Every structure is written in C-alpha cells, then in structure tokens.
Amino acid sequence: MGRPNPADYPRMLFHRSKPPVTVYSEEEEAALGAGWSRTIPQPEPEPAASKWHPEPEEEPEPELPEEKPEEEEQPASEDAPVKPKRAHSSLKRTPPGRRRKL
C-alpha cells in the first residue's frame, strides 16, 4: 500500500464479541489483530436446530366435575304466571325499605 490517506483516520473498528474501538493510524489498526472489521459485523447465525425432538409427555386428562342430577321441574299450573329465573349478582343489594346512601 502506498501512503495512507489522512482522511482514513480516526476510524472505528468493530469486533463480534468486543466493543467498538477508535484507531488513529494504520499501525494501531494492525496491532489489534484478527477479528476486527471496518464494517459492523452481522450477528452470528444460530446453530442449526437438531433434528431430534423429544417426545411430548402424555398429559393426564383433566377430571370432569361430577354432573349433578337435574332437579325435575314440576309442571306449573296453567293459572300461575311463569317467572324467569334471576341471575346471581356479585353486587350487594339494598334491602327493601332502606335507601342507598349517595
């Protein structure tokens, strides 16, 4: 190589496993040794996945809750109106005859 261009230094050098370094001359660059590059290195490719896959462990089947026998509904008389069943609510209810405090 001929005479180094003064515009080439200072320069950043990069290594795969070390932090970047700034060098100020060709001698400093040569002193770093192998593994240093003027461009940012690409990440190392991940090792190829092995073709062996462990067999999945058998999971025990979840136990189903015992079914409660359904209560036999007694036929309502034709005269009585059919009331819909109320859903259970987690909200507290105000007892009849009391007012809610606002």
Protein backbone atom coordinates (compact mmCIF):
# COMPACT_ATOMS: atom_id res chain seq x y z
CA MET A 1 0.00 0.00 0.00
CA GLY A 2 1.06 3.50 -0.58
CA ARG A 3 0.93 6.37 1.73
CA PRO A 4 -2.25 6.34 3.96
CA ASN A 5 -4.82 8.98 3.28
CA PRO A 6 -5.18 11.24 6.33
CA ALA A 7 -8.95 11.16 5.79
CA ASP A 8 -8.93 7.40 6.65
CA TYR A 9 -8.19 8.04 10.35
CA PRO A 10 -9.53 8.21 13.00
CA ARG A 11 -11.74 5.26 12.19
CA MET A 12 -13.99 2.89 14.09
CA LEU A 13 -13.23 -0.83 14.06
CA PHE A 14 -15.73 -3.48 15.05
CA HIS A 15 -15.44 -6.98 16.52
CA ARG A 16 -18.11 -9.68 17.00
CA SER A 17 -17.52 -10.09 20.72
CA LYS A 18 -15.79 -6.84 21.79
CA PRO A 19 -16.91 -3.22 21.95
CA PRO A 20 -16.01 -0.91 19.02
CA VAL A 21 -12.60 0.78 19.10
CA THR A 22 -11.35 4.01 17.53
CA VAL A 23 -7.90 3.82 15.93
CA TYR A 24 -5.88 6.81 14.79
CA SER A 25 -3.34 5.16 12.48
CA GLU A 26 -2.69 2.13 10.30
CA GLU A 27 -0.26 0.82 12.94
CA GLU A 28 -2.92 0.86 15.66
CA GLU A 29 -5.30 -0.96 13.31
CA ALA A 30 -2.70 -3.66 12.58
CA ALA A 31 -1.89 -4.00 16.31
CA LEU A 32 -5.48 -5.03 17.11
CA GLY A 33 -5.03 -8.32 15.28
CA ALA A 34 -7.53 -10.58 13.55
CA GLY A 35 -11.28 -10.38 14.02
CA TRP A 36 -11.59 -6.60 13.65
CA SER A 37 -13.54 -5.12 10.73
CA ARG A 38 -14.21 -1.68 9.29
CA THR A 39 -17.88 -2.60 8.94
CA ILE A 40 -20.31 -3.68 11.63
CA PRO A 41 -20.33 -7.50 11.59
CA GLN A 42 -23.58 -9.34 11.06
CA PRO A 43 -24.78 -11.41 14.03
CA GLU A 44 -23.51 -14.95 14.05
CA PRO A 45 -26.01 -17.40 12.61
CA GLU A 46 -27.70 -19.53 15.21
CA PRO A 47 -26.62 -23.15 15.20
CA ALA A 48 -28.85 -25.38 13.11
CA ALA A 49 -31.59 -26.93 15.16
CA SER A 50 -31.08 -30.59 15.77
CA LYS A 51 -33.43 -32.96 14.03
CA TRP A 52 -34.06 -34.84 17.25
CA HIS A 53 -37.17 -33.72 19.07
CA PRO A 54 -38.11 -35.17 22.45
CA GLU A 55 -41.40 -36.99 22.51
CA PRO A 56 -44.10 -34.96 24.23
CA GLU A 57 -45.05 -36.20 27.65
CA GLU A 58 -48.54 -37.53 27.94
CA GLU A 59 -50.70 -35.20 29.95
CA PRO A 60 -53.34 -36.74 32.17
CA GLU A 61 -56.84 -35.92 31.04
CA PRO A 62 -58.48 -33.34 33.28
CA GLU A 63 -61.13 -34.79 35.51
CA LEU A 64 -64.58 -33.58 34.66
CA PRO A 65 -66.69 -32.40 37.58
CA GLU A 66 -69.42 -34.80 38.53
CA GLU A 67 -72.68 -33.87 36.97
CA LYS A 68 -75.40 -33.12 39.44
CA PRO A 69 -78.70 -34.75 38.64
CA GLU A 70 -81.01 -32.13 37.31
CA GLU A 71 -83.93 -31.40 39.55
CA GLU A 72 -87.10 -32.39 37.94
CA GLU A 73 -89.13 -29.34 37.23
CA GLN A 74 -92.63 -29.66 38.48
CA PRO A 75 -95.11 -28.57 35.92
CA ALA A 76 -96.53 -25.21 36.84
CA SER A 77 -100.22 -24.88 36.92
CA GLU A 78 -101.63 -23.12 33.92
CA ASP A 79 -103.03 -20.38 36.15
CA ALA A 80 -99.69 -19.34 37.71
CA PRO A 81 -97.51 -16.93 35.67
CA VAL A 82 -94.05 -18.20 34.82
CA LYS A 83 -91.30 -16.08 36.38
CA PRO A 84 -87.86 -16.03 34.78
CA LYS A 85 -85.01 -17.21 36.98
CA ARG A 86 -82.80 -14.45 38.38
CA ALA A 87 -79.10 -14.40 37.68
CA HIS A 88 -76.86 -14.27 40.72
CA SER A 89 -75.05 -10.97 41.05
CA SER A 90 -71.88 -10.20 42.99
CA LEU A 91 -73.22 -6.70 43.70
CA LYS A 92 -74.65 -6.01 47.11
CA ARG A 93 -78.33 -5.37 47.07
CA THR A 94 -80.09 -2.79 49.19
CA PRO A 95 -82.69 -4.49 51.36
CA PRO A 96 -86.26 -3.38 50.71
CA GLY A 97 -87.32 -0.39 52.78
CA ARG A 98 -83.80 1.04 53.02
CA ARG A 99 -82.37 3.85 50.94
CA ARG A 100 -78.94 3.84 49.46
CA LYS A 101 -76.51 6.45 50.71
CA LEU A 102 -75.23 8.62 47.88
